[in-house]
Amino acid sequence: ATKDALQTTSSLTSLDKKWICLSSGCLVKVDISFAVVGGVLRDQNENWILGYNRYLEFCSVSEVELWGIMDGSLLLLERSYDNVIIQIDNMEVVLAIQDQACND
């Protein structure tokens, strides 16, 4: 993968294969030292497949987002989904994933 692989799409329905969308979000509550991450998996027609969440000890926002992507990715692997789009709004996480992919 390259940094040019970053693509924006407004709708999964325009894709020609069966794609699954992994959307992840997080909540970090600093004053009581906890974080929660959750996400949802949807098909190319934006129908809900399943949701997930995880309670974490205190982490940075980027770490929590990465946990969400990992948890969602593991669920997708367990269900043998091959075509995945990850939707995330944290540029630090996007760049970290792209940098790691370029180094592998």
PDB file of N, CA and C in Angstrom:
ATOM      1  N   ALA A   1       0.842  -1.188   0.000  1.00  0.00           N
ATOM      2  CA  ALA A   1       0.000   0.000   0.000  1.00  0.00           C
ATOM      3  C   ALA A   1       0.874   1.234   0.000  1.00  0.00           C
ATOM      4  N   THR A   2       0.398   2.270  -0.619  1.00  0.00           N
ATOM      5  CA  THR A   2       1.128   3.528  -0.656  1.00  0.00           C
ATOM      6  C   THR A   2       0.257   4.619  -0.078  1.00  0.00           C
ATOM      7  N   LYS A   3       0.876   5.758   0.150  1.00  0.00           N
ATOM      8  CA  LYS A   3       0.100   6.883   0.664  1.00  0.00           C
ATOM      9  C   LYS A   3      -0.936   7.345  -0.347  1.00  0.00           C
ATOM     10  N   ASP A   4      -0.722   7.034  -1.637  1.00  0.00           N
ATOM     11  CA  ASP A   4      -1.698   7.382  -2.663  1.00  0.00           C
ATOM     12  C   ASP A   4      -2.956   6.530  -2.572  1.00  0.00           C
ATOM     13  N   ALA A   5      -2.905   5.475  -1.759  1.00  0.00           N
ATOM     14  CA  ALA A   5      -4.051   4.575  -1.642  1.00  0.00           C
ATOM     15  C   ALA A   5      -5.191   5.186  -0.839  1.00  0.00           C
ATOM     16  N   LEU A   6      -4.950   6.291  -0.156  1.00  0.00           N
ATOM     17  CA  LEU A   6      -6.004   6.956   0.608  1.00  0.00           C
ATOM     18  C   LEU A   6      -7.053   7.473  -0.357  1.00  0.00           C
ATOM     19  N   GLN A   7      -8.273   7.024  -0.189  1.00  0.00           N
ATOM     20  CA  GLN A   7      -9.330   7.383  -1.114  1.00  0.00           C
ATOM     21  C   GLN A   7     -10.553   7.783  -0.320  1.00  0.00           C
ATOM     22  N   THR A   8     -11.277   8.759  -0.837  1.00  0.00           N
ATOM     23  CA  THR A   8     -12.506   9.190  -0.205  1.00  0.00           C
ATOM     24  C   THR A   8     -13.671   8.737  -1.064  1.00  0.00           C
ATOM     25  N   THR A   9     -14.652   8.135  -0.445  1.00  0.00           N
ATOM     26  CA  THR A   9     -15.853   7.737  -1.165  1.00  0.00           C
ATOM     27  C   THR A   9     -17.057   8.146  -0.335  1.00  0.00           C
ATOM     28  N   SER A  10     -18.064   8.678  -0.992  1.00  0.00           N
ATOM     29  CA  SER A  10     -19.237   9.132  -0.260  1.00  0.00           C
ATOM     30  C   SER A  10     -20.259   8.021  -0.070  1.00  0.00           C
ATOM     31  N   SER A  11     -20.178   6.981  -0.889  1.00  0.00           N
ATOM     32  CA  SER A  11     -21.149   5.902  -0.790  1.00  0.00           C
ATOM     33  C   SER A  11     -20.512   4.577  -1.162  1.00  0.00           C
ATOM     34  N   LEU A  12     -20.797   3.569  -0.376  1.00  0.00           N
ATOM     35  CA  LEU A  12     -20.296   2.235  -0.682  1.00  0.00           C
ATOM     36  C   LEU A  12     -21.055   1.602  -1.836  1.00  0.00           C
ATOM     37  N   THR A  13     -22.241   2.091  -2.128  1.00  0.00           N
ATOM     38  CA  THR A  13     -23.069   1.458  -3.150  1.00  0.00           C
ATOM     39  C   THR A  13     -22.495   1.617  -4.545  1.00  0.00           C
ATOM     40  N   SER A  14     -21.580   2.541  -4.760  1.00  0.00           N
ATOM     41  CA  SER A  14     -20.994   2.738  -6.082  1.00  0.00           C
ATOM     42  C   SER A  14     -19.859   1.755  -6.365  1.00  0.00           C
ATOM     43  N   LEU A  15     -19.465   0.955  -5.402  1.00  0.00           N
ATOM     44  CA  LEU A  15     -18.367   0.009  -5.580  1.00  0.00           C
ATOM     45  C   LEU A  15     -18.856  -1.248  -6.286  1.00  0.00           C
ATOM     46  N   ASP A  16     -17.966  -1.864  -7.084  1.00  0.00           N
ATOM     47  CA  ASP A  16     -18.378  -3.002  -7.893  1.00  0.00           C
ATOM     48  C   ASP A  16     -18.257  -4.351  -7.195  1.00  0.00           C
ATOM     49  N   LYS A  17     -17.593  -4.453  -6.083  1.00  0.00           N
ATOM     50  CA  LYS A  17     -17.472  -5.704  -5.335  1.00  0.00           C
ATOM     51  C   LYS A  17     -18.257  -5.591  -4.037  1.00  0.00           C
ATOM     52  N   LYS A  18     -18.357  -6.718  -3.346  1.00  0.00           N
ATOM     53  CA  LYS A  18     -19.020  -6.693  -2.043  1.00  0.00           C
ATOM     54  C   LYS A  18     -18.030  -6.171  -1.011  1.00  0.00           C
ATOM     55  N   TRP A  19     -18.221  -4.955  -0.581  1.00  0.00           N
ATOM     56  CA  TRP A  19     -17.343  -4.302   0.386  1.00  0.00           C
ATOM     57  C   TRP A  19     -18.034  -4.212   1.731  1.00  0.00           C
ATOM     58  N   ILE A  20     -17.225  -4.255   2.777  1.00  0.00           N
ATOM     59  CA  ILE A  20     -17.700  -4.052   4.136  1.00  0.00           C
ATOM     60  C   ILE A  20     -17.039  -2.787   4.664  1.00  0.00           C
ATOM     61  N   CYS A  21     -17.811  -1.955   5.319  1.00  0.00           N
ATOM     62  CA  CYS A  21     -17.295  -0.709   5.884  1.00  0.00           C
ATOM     63  C   CYS A  21     -17.135  -0.866   7.390  1.00  0.00           C
ATOM     64  N   LEU A  22     -15.940  -0.577   7.879  1.00  0.00           N
ATOM     65  CA  LEU A  22     -15.648  -0.579   9.309  1.00  0.00           C
ATOM     66  C   LEU A  22     -15.570   0.882   9.744  1.00  0.00           C
ATOM     67  N   SER A  23     -16.498   1.309  10.585  1.00  0.00           N
ATOM     68  CA  SER A  23     -16.487   2.662  11.145  1.00  0.00           C
ATOM     69  C   SER A  23     -16.230   2.552  12.635  1.00  0.00           C
ATOM     70  N   SER A  24     -15.240   3.278  13.113  1.00  0.00           N
ATOM     71  CA  SER A  24     -14.856   3.193  14.518  1.00  0.00           C
ATOM     72  C   SER A  24     -14.881   4.579  15.141  1.00  0.00           C
ATOM     73  N   GLY A  25     -15.231   4.644  16.416  1.00  0.00           N
ATOM     74  CA  GLY A  25     -15.216   5.897  17.146  1.00  0.00           C
ATOM     75  C   GLY A  25     -14.809   5.651  18.582  1.00  0.00           C
ATOM     76  N   CYS A  26     -14.412   6.711  19.272  1.00  0.00           N
ATOM     77  CA  CYS A  26     -13.938   6.502  20.635  1.00  0.00           C
ATOM     78  C   CYS A  26     -14.390   7.622  21.555  1.00  0.00           C
ATOM     79  N   LEU A  27     -14.309   7.323  22.839  1.00  0.00           N
ATOM     80  CA  LEU A  27     -14.551   8.285  23.902  1.00  0.00           C
ATOM     81  C   LEU A  27     -13.407   8.146  24.893  1.00  0.00           C
ATOM     82  N   VAL A  28     -12.721   9.236  25.154  1.00  0.00           N
ATOM     83  CA  VAL A  28     -11.647   9.238  26.150  1.00  0.00           C
ATOM     84  C   VAL A  28     -12.044  10.237  27.221  1.00  0.00           C
ATOM     85  N   LYS A  29     -12.196   9.769  28.438  1.00  0.00           N
ATOM     86  CA  LYS A  29     -12.572  10.619  29.572  1.00  0.00           C
ATOM     87  C   LYS A  29     -11.342  10.754  30.456  1.00  0.00           C
ATOM     88  N   VAL A  30     -10.650  11.873  30.345  1.00  0.00           N
ATOM     89  CA  VAL A  30      -9.355  12.055  30.992  1.00  0.00           C
ATOM     90  C   VAL A  30      -9.465  12.125  32.510  1.00  0.00           C
ATOM     91  N   ASP A  31     -10.447  12.817  33.044  1.00  0.00           N
ATOM     92  CA  ASP A  31     -10.488  13.045  34.489  1.00  0.00           C
ATOM     93  C   ASP A  31     -10.754  11.780  35.301  1.00  0.00           C
ATOM     94  N   ILE A  32     -11.290  10.736  34.703  1.00  0.00           N
ATOM     95  CA  ILE A  32     -11.477   9.485  35.439  1.00  0.00           C
ATOM     96  C   ILE A  32     -10.723   8.324  34.788  1.00  0.00           C
ATOM     97  N   SER A  33      -9.811   8.638  33.903  1.00  0.00           N
ATOM     98  CA  SER A  33      -8.852   7.679  33.331  1.00  0.00           C
ATOM     99  C   SER A  33      -9.483   6.441  32.703  1.00  0.00           C
ATOM    100  N   PHE A  34     -10.374   6.645  31.765  1.00  0.00           N
ATOM    101  CA  PHE A  34     -10.859   5.496  31.014  1.00  0.00           C
ATOM    102  C   PHE A  34     -11.113   5.892  29.568  1.00  0.00           C
ATOM    103  N   ALA A  35     -11.189   4.884  28.745  1.00  0.00           N
ATOM    104  CA  ALA A  35     -11.488   5.090  27.333  1.00  0.00           C
ATOM    105  C   ALA A  35     -12.398   3.963  26.867  1.00  0.00           C
ATOM    106  N   VAL A  36     -13.272   4.280  25.955  1.00  0.00           N
ATOM    107  CA  VAL A  36     -14.160   3.295  25.351  1.00  0.00           C
ATOM    108  C   VAL A  36     -14.069   3.466  23.846  1.00  0.00           C
ATOM    109  N   VAL A  37     -13.975   2.351  23.140  1.00  0.00           N
ATOM    110  CA  VAL A  37     -13.994   2.386  21.684  1.00  0.00           C
ATOM    111  C   VAL A  37     -15.105   1.465  21.212  1.00  0.00           C
ATOM    112  N   GLY A  38     -15.726   1.858  20.152  1.00  0.00           N
ATOM    113  CA  GLY A  38     -16.762   1.030  19.559  1.00  0.00           C
ATOM    114  C   GLY A  38     -16.785   1.247  18.066  1.00  0.00           C
ATOM    115  N   GLY A  39     -17.482   0.385  17.407  1.00  0.00           N
ATOM    116  CA  GLY A  39     -17.569   0.520  15.964  1.00  0.00           C
ATOM    117  C   GLY A  39     -18.746  -0.247  15.422  1.00  0.00           C
ATOM    118  N   VAL A  40     -18.927  -0.103  14.131  1.00  0.00           N
ATOM    119  CA  VAL A  40     -20.006  -0.788  13.445  1.00  0.00           C
ATOM    120  C   VAL A  40     -19.487  -1.279  12.103  1.00  0.00           C
ATOM    121  N   LEU A  41     -19.967  -2.436  11.699  1.00  0.00           N
ATOM    122  CA  LEU A  41     -19.662  -2.999  10.390  1.00  0.00           C
ATOM    123  C   LEU A  41     -20.934  -2.924   9.561  1.00  0.00           C
ATOM    124  N   ARG A  42     -20.808  -2.386   8.347  1.00  0.00           N
ATOM    125  CA  ARG A  42     -21.952  -2.259   7.439  1.00  0.00           C
ATOM    126  C   ARG A  42     -21.587  -2.827   6.077  1.00  0.00           C
ATOM    127  N   ASP A  43     -22.603  -3.330   5.366  1.00  0.00           N
ATOM    128  CA  ASP A  43     -22.350  -3.842   4.025  1.00  0.00           C
ATOM    129  C   ASP A  43     -22.346  -2.698   3.011  1.00  0.00           C
ATOM    130  N   GLN A  44     -22.175  -3.033   1.720  1.00  0.00           N
ATOM    131  CA  GLN A  44     -22.054  -1.999   0.697  1.00  0.00           C
ATOM    132  C   GLN A  44     -23.341  -1.206   0.504  1.00  0.00           C
ATOM    133  N   ASN A  45     -24.461  -1.727   1.002  1.00  0.00           N
ATOM    134  CA  ASN A  45     -25.723  -0.992   0.952  1.00  0.00           C
ATOM    135  C   ASN A  45     -25.987  -0.234   2.245  1.00  0.00           C
ATOM    136  N   GLU A  46     -24.975  -0.161   3.094  1.00  0.00           N
ATOM    137  CA  GLU A  46     -25.001   0.545   4.372  1.00  0.00           C
ATOM    138  C   GLU A  46     -25.923  -0.111   5.395  1.00  0.00           C
ATOM    139  N   ASN A  47     -26.221  -1.401   5.197  1.00  0.00           N
ATOM    140  CA  ASN A  47     -26.997  -2.168   6.175  1.00  0.00           C
ATOM    141  C   ASN A  47     -26.089  -2.607   7.312  1.00  0.00           C
ATOM    142  N   TRP A  48     -26.594  -2.510   8.535  1.00  0.00           N
ATOM    143  CA  TRP A  48     -25.846  -2.880   9.735  1.00  0.00           C
ATOM    144  C   TRP A  48     -25.580  -4.376   9.740  1.00  0.00           C
ATOM    145  N   ILE A  49     -24.330  -4.771   9.980  1.00  0.00           N
ATOM    146  CA  ILE A  49     -23.969  -6.181  10.140  1.00  0.00           C
ATOM    147  C   ILE A  49     -23.812  -6.485  11.620  1.00  0.00           C
ATOM    148  N   LEU A  50     -22.947  -5.725  12.292  1.00  0.00           N
ATOM    149  CA  LEU A  50     -22.798  -5.878  13.737  1.00  0.00           C
ATOM    150  C   LEU A  50     -22.078  -4.677  14.322  1.00  0.00           C
ATOM    151  N   GLY A  51     -22.222  -4.534  15.625  1.00  0.00           N
ATOM    152  CA  GLY A  51     -21.534  -3.489  16.366  1.00  0.00           C
ATOM    153  C   GLY A  51     -20.642  -4.124  17.413  1.00  0.00           C
ATOM    154  N   TYR A  52     -19.684  -3.370  17.891  1.00  0.00           N
ATOM    155  CA  TYR A  52     -18.757  -3.888  18.897  1.00  0.00           C
ATOM    156  C   TYR A  52     -18.271  -2.732  19.759  1.00  0.00           C
ATOM    157  N   ASN A  53     -17.775  -3.060  20.954  1.00  0.00           N
ATOM    158  CA  ASN A  53     -17.173  -2.042  21.814  1.00  0.00           C
ATOM    159  C   ASN A  53     -16.188  -2.699  22.761  1.00  0.00           C
ATOM    160  N   ARG A  54     -15.338  -1.866  23.340  1.00  0.00           N
ATOM    161  CA  ARG A  54     -14.317  -2.344  24.279  1.00  0.00           C
ATOM    162  C   ARG A  54     -14.028  -1.220  25.273  1.00  0.00           C
ATOM    163  N   TYR A  55     -13.941  -1.595  26.546  1.00  0.00           N
ATOM    164  CA  TYR A  55     -13.511  -0.687  27.608  1.00  0.00           C
ATOM    165  C   TYR A  55     -11.998  -0.804  27.718  1.00  0.00           C
ATOM    166  N   LEU A  56     -11.314   0.323  27.765  1.00  0.00           N
ATOM    167  CA  LEU A  56      -9.854   0.349  27.879  1.00  0.00           C
ATOM    168  C   LEU A  56      -9.446   1.181  29.087  1.00  0.00           C
ATOM    169  N   GLU A  57      -8.276   0.897  29.599  1.00  0.00           N
ATOM    170  CA  GLU A  57      -7.679   1.802  30.579  1.00  0.00           C
ATOM    171  C   GLU A  57      -7.344   3.093  29.839  1.00  0.00           C
ATOM    172  N   PHE A  58      -6.781   4.045  30.516  1.00  0.00           N
ATOM    173  CA  PHE A  58      -6.475   5.318  29.881  1.00  0.00           C
ATOM    174  C   PHE A  58      -5.504   5.130  28.720  1.00  0.00           C
ATOM    175  N   CYS A  59      -5.842   5.675  27.584  1.00  0.00           N
ATOM    176  CA  CYS A  59      -5.019   5.639  26.372  1.00  0.00           C
ATOM    177  C   CYS A  59      -5.160   6.987  25.677  1.00  0.00           C
ATOM    178  N   SER A  60      -4.257   7.254  24.767  1.00  0.00           N
ATOM    179  CA  SER A  60      -4.417   8.444  23.935  1.00  0.00           C
ATOM    180  C   SER A  60      -5.562   8.194  22.953  1.00  0.00           C
ATOM    181  N   VAL A  61      -6.080   9.250  22.373  1.00  0.00           N
ATOM    182  CA  VAL A  61      -7.157   9.122  21.395  1.00  0.00           C
ATOM    183  C   VAL A  61      -6.710   8.244  20.231  1.00  0.00           C
ATOM    184  N   SER A  62      -5.496   8.457  19.756  1.00  0.00           N
ATOM    185  CA  SER A  62      -4.995   7.662  18.628  1.00  0.00           C
ATOM    186  C   SER A  62      -4.886   6.182  18.984  1.00  0.00           C
ATOM    187  N   GLU A  63      -4.417   5.874  20.190  1.00  0.00           N
ATOM    188  CA  GLU A  63      -4.333   4.471  20.619  1.00  0.00           C
ATOM    189  C   GLU A  63      -5.720   3.835  20.681  1.00  0.00           C
ATOM    190  N   VAL A  64      -6.680   4.581  21.183  1.00  0.00           N
ATOM    191  CA  VAL A  64      -8.045   4.063  21.277  1.00  0.00           C
ATOM    192  C   VAL A  64      -8.603   3.799  19.879  1.00  0.00           C
ATOM    193  N   GLU A  65      -8.375   4.734  18.958  1.00  0.00           N
ATOM    194  CA  GLU A  65      -8.831   4.552  17.574  1.00  0.00           C
ATOM    195  C   GLU A  65      -8.198   3.306  16.956  1.00  0.00           C
ATOM    196  N   LEU A  66      -6.907   3.089  17.208  1.00  0.00           N
ATOM    197  CA  LEU A  66      -6.227   1.908  16.668  1.00  0.00           C
ATOM    198  C   LEU A  66      -6.801   0.618  17.250  1.00  0.00           C
ATOM    199  N   TRP A  67      -7.151   0.622  18.538  1.00  0.00           N
ATOM    200  CA  TRP A  67      -7.810  -0.544  19.143  1.00  0.00           C
ATOM    201  C   TRP A  67      -9.123  -0.828  18.419  1.00  0.00           C
ATOM    202  N   GLY A  68      -9.872   0.220  18.122  1.00  0.00           N
ATOM    203  CA  GLY A  68     -11.149   0.043  17.425  1.00  0.00           C
ATOM    204  C   GLY A  68     -10.976  -0.572  16.050  1.00  0.00           C
ATOM    205  N   ILE A  69      -9.959  -0.115  15.328  1.00  0.00           N
ATOM    206  CA  ILE A  69      -9.684  -0.675  14.005  1.00  0.00           C
ATOM    207  C   ILE A  69      -9.250  -2.132  14.132  1.00  0.00           C
ATOM    208  N   MET A  70      -8.400  -2.414  15.101  1.00  0.00           N
ATOM    209  CA  MET A  70      -7.942  -3.793  15.285  1.00  0.00           C
ATOM    210  C   MET A  70      -9.106  -4.721  15.647  1.00  0.00           C
ATOM    211  N   ASP A  71      -9.932  -4.305  16.602  1.00  0.00           N
ATOM    212  CA  ASP A  71     -11.067  -5.141  17.004  1.00  0.00           C
ATOM    213  C   ASP A  71     -12.007  -5.391  15.828  1.00  0.00           C
ATOM    214  N   GLY A  72     -12.322  -4.336  15.085  1.00  0.00           N
ATOM    215  CA  GLY A  72     -13.195  -4.490  13.922  1.00  0.00           C
ATOM    216  C   GLY A  72     -12.573  -5.373  12.860  1.00  0.00           C
ATOM    217  N   SER A  73     -11.280  -5.218  12.639  1.00  0.00           N
ATOM    218  CA  SER A  73     -10.582  -6.037  11.641  1.00  0.00           C
ATOM    219  C   SER A  73     -10.591  -7.514  12.028  1.00  0.00           C
ATOM    220  N   LEU A  74     -10.401  -7.800  13.310  1.00  0.00           N
ATOM    221  CA  LEU A  74     -10.443  -9.194  13.767  1.00  0.00           C
ATOM    222  C   LEU A  74     -11.832  -9.804  13.562  1.00  0.00           C
ATOM    223  N   LEU A  75     -12.865  -9.024  13.827  1.00  0.00           N
ATOM    224  CA  LEU A  75     -14.226  -9.514  13.588  1.00  0.00           C
ATOM    225  C   LEU A  75     -14.450  -9.802  12.106  1.00  0.00           C
ATOM    226  N   LEU A  76     -13.925  -8.939  11.253  1.00  0.00           N
ATOM    227  CA  LEU A  76     -14.053  -9.152   9.809  1.00  0.00           C
ATOM    228  C   LEU A  76     -13.311 -10.405   9.360  1.00  0.00           C
ATOM    229  N   LEU A  77     -12.113 -10.610   9.897  1.00  0.00           N
ATOM    230  CA  LEU A  77     -11.346 -11.810   9.551  1.00  0.00           C
ATOM    231  C   LEU A  77     -12.072 -13.080   9.989  1.00  0.00           C
ATOM    232  N   GLU A  78     -12.652 -13.054  11.193  1.00  0.00           N
ATOM    233  CA  GLU A  78     -13.400 -14.211  11.692  1.00  0.00           C
ATOM    234  C   GLU A  78     -14.564 -14.568  10.780  1.00  0.00           C
ATOM    235  N   ARG A  79     -15.106 -13.568  10.101  1.00  0.00           N
ATOM    236  CA  ARG A  79     -16.264 -13.776   9.228  1.00  0.00           C
ATOM    237  C   ARG A  79     -15.873 -13.887   7.754  1.00  0.00           C
ATOM    238  N   SER A  80     -14.566 -13.938   7.492  1.00  0.00           N
ATOM    239  CA  SER A  80     -14.017 -14.141   6.138  1.00  0.00           C
ATOM    240  C   SER A  80     -14.374 -13.040   5.141  1.00  0.00           C
ATOM    241  N   TYR A  81     -14.469 -11.804   5.614  1.00  0.00           N
ATOM    242  CA  TYR A  81     -14.660 -10.678   4.699  1.00  0.00           C
ATOM    243  C   TYR A  81     -13.302 -10.243   4.166  1.00  0.00           C
ATOM    244  N   ASP A  82     -13.208 -10.088   2.850  1.00  0.00           N
ATOM    245  CA  ASP A  82     -11.936  -9.738   2.219  1.00  0.00           C
ATOM    246  C   ASP A  82     -11.829  -8.272   1.816  1.00  0.00           C
ATOM    247  N   ASN A  83     -12.921  -7.656   1.421  1.00  0.00           N
ATOM    248  CA  ASN A  83     -12.909  -6.288   0.907  1.00  0.00           C
ATOM    249  C   ASN A  83     -13.434  -5.340   1.977  1.00  0.00           C
ATOM    250  N   VAL A  84     -12.535  -4.543   2.534  1.00  0.00           N
ATOM    251  CA  VAL A  84     -12.883  -3.706   3.683  1.00  0.00           C
ATOM    252  C   VAL A  84     -12.486  -2.262   3.426  1.00  0.00           C
ATOM    253  N   ILE A  85     -13.372  -1.360   3.784  1.00  0.00           N
ATOM    254  CA  ILE A  85     -13.073   0.068   3.797  1.00  0.00           C
ATOM    255  C   ILE A  85     -13.134   0.504   5.252  1.00  0.00           C
ATOM    256  N   ILE A  86     -12.071   1.137   5.723  1.00  0.00           N
ATOM    257  CA  ILE A  86     -12.030   1.640   7.097  1.00  0.00           C
ATOM    258  C   ILE A  86     -12.317   3.133   7.060  1.00  0.00           C
ATOM    259  N   GLN A  87     -13.353   3.556   7.770  1.00  0.00           N
ATOM    260  CA  GLN A  87     -13.690   4.973   7.862  1.00  0.00           C
ATOM    261  C   GLN A  87     -13.243   5.484   9.221  1.00  0.00           C
ATOM    262  N   ILE A  88     -12.379   6.483   9.190  1.00  0.00           N
ATOM    263  CA  ILE A  88     -11.861   7.054  10.430  1.00  0.00           C
ATOM    264  C   ILE A  88     -11.540   8.517  10.174  1.00  0.00           C
ATOM    265  N   ASP A  89     -11.699   9.350  11.185  1.00  0.00           N
ATOM    266  CA  ASP A  89     -11.480  10.785  11.005  1.00  0.00           C
ATOM    267  C   ASP A  89     -10.252  11.301  11.751  1.00  0.00           C
ATOM    268  N   ASN A  90      -9.333  10.417  12.104  1.00  0.00           N
ATOM    269  CA  ASN A  90      -8.133  10.800  12.837  1.00  0.00           C
ATOM    270  C   ASN A  90      -6.930  10.676  11.898  1.00  0.00           C
ATOM    271  N   MET A  91      -6.435  11.808  11.400  1.00  0.00           N
ATOM    272  CA  MET A  91      -5.354  11.793  10.417  1.00  0.00           C
ATOM    273  C   MET A  91      -4.078  11.173  10.974  1.00  0.00           C
ATOM    274  N   GLU A  92      -3.814  11.336  12.261  1.00  0.00           N
ATOM    275  CA  GLU A  92      -2.634  10.721  12.873  1.00  0.00           C
ATOM    276  C   GLU A  92      -2.688   9.197  12.732  1.00  0.00           C
ATOM    277  N   VAL A  93      -3.855   8.627  12.928  1.00  0.00           N
ATOM    278  CA  VAL A  93      -4.029   7.182  12.799  1.00  0.00           C
ATOM    279  C   VAL A  93      -3.909   6.758  11.337  1.00  0.00           C
ATOM    280  N   VAL A  94      -4.512   7.508  10.435  1.00  0.00           N
ATOM    281  CA  VAL A  94      -4.416   7.198   9.002  1.00  0.00           C
ATOM    282  C   VAL A  94      -2.957   7.168   8.571  1.00  0.00           C
ATOM    283  N   LEU A  95      -2.196   8.188   8.954  1.00  0.00           N
ATOM    284  CA  LEU A  95      -0.785   8.256   8.568  1.00  0.00           C
ATOM    285  C   LEU A  95       0.029   7.131   9.204  1.00  0.00           C
ATOM    286  N   ALA A  96      -0.271   6.779  10.453  1.00  0.00           N
ATOM    287  CA  ALA A  96       0.448   5.686  11.117  1.00  0.00           C
ATOM    288  C   ALA A  96       0.209   4.361  10.391  1.00  0.00           C
ATOM    289  N   ILE A  97      -1.028   4.116   9.984  1.00  0.00           N
ATOM    290  CA  ILE A  97      -1.342   2.881   9.260  1.00  0.00           C
ATOM    291  C   ILE A  97      -0.653   2.878   7.901  1.00  0.00           C
ATOM    292  N   GLN A  98      -0.699   3.995   7.206  1.00  0.00           N
ATOM    293  CA  GLN A  98      -0.053   4.075   5.894  1.00  0.00           C
ATOM    294  C   GLN A  98       1.456   3.916   6.013  1.00  0.00           C
ATOM    295  N   ASP A  99       2.063   4.548   7.003  1.00  0.00           N
ATOM    296  CA  ASP A  99       3.511   4.424   7.194  1.00  0.00           C
ATOM    297  C   ASP A  99       3.897   2.979   7.490  1.00  0.00           C
ATOM    298  N   GLN A 100       3.113   2.301   8.329  1.00  0.00           N
ATOM    299  CA  GLN A 100       3.395   0.902   8.649  1.00  0.00           C
ATOM    300  C   GLN A 100       3.253   0.025   7.411  1.00  0.00           C
ATOM    301  N   ALA A 101       2.216   0.281   6.606  1.00  0.00           N
ATOM    302  CA  ALA A 101       2.005  -0.510   5.388  1.00  0.00           C
ATOM    303  C   ALA A 101       3.155  -0.312   4.406  1.00  0.00           C
ATOM    304  N   CYS A 102       3.682   0.896   4.326  1.00  0.00           N
ATOM    305  CA  CYS A 102       4.808   1.172   3.426  1.00  0.00           C
ATOM    306  C   CYS A 102       6.085   0.502   3.916  1.00  0.00           C
ATOM    307  N   ASN A 103       6.220   0.298   5.224  1.00  0.00           N
ATOM    308  CA  ASN A 103       7.418  -0.319   5.797  1.00  0.00           C
ATOM    309  C   ASN A 103       7.381  -1.840   5.739  1.00  0.00           C
ATOM    310  N   ASP A 104       6.207  -2.422   5.550  1.00  0.00           N
ATOM    311  CA  ASP A 104       6.083  -3.893   5.507  1.00  0.00           C
ATOM    312  C   ASP A 104       6.457  -4.440   4.149  1.00  0.00           C
TER     313      ASP A 104
END
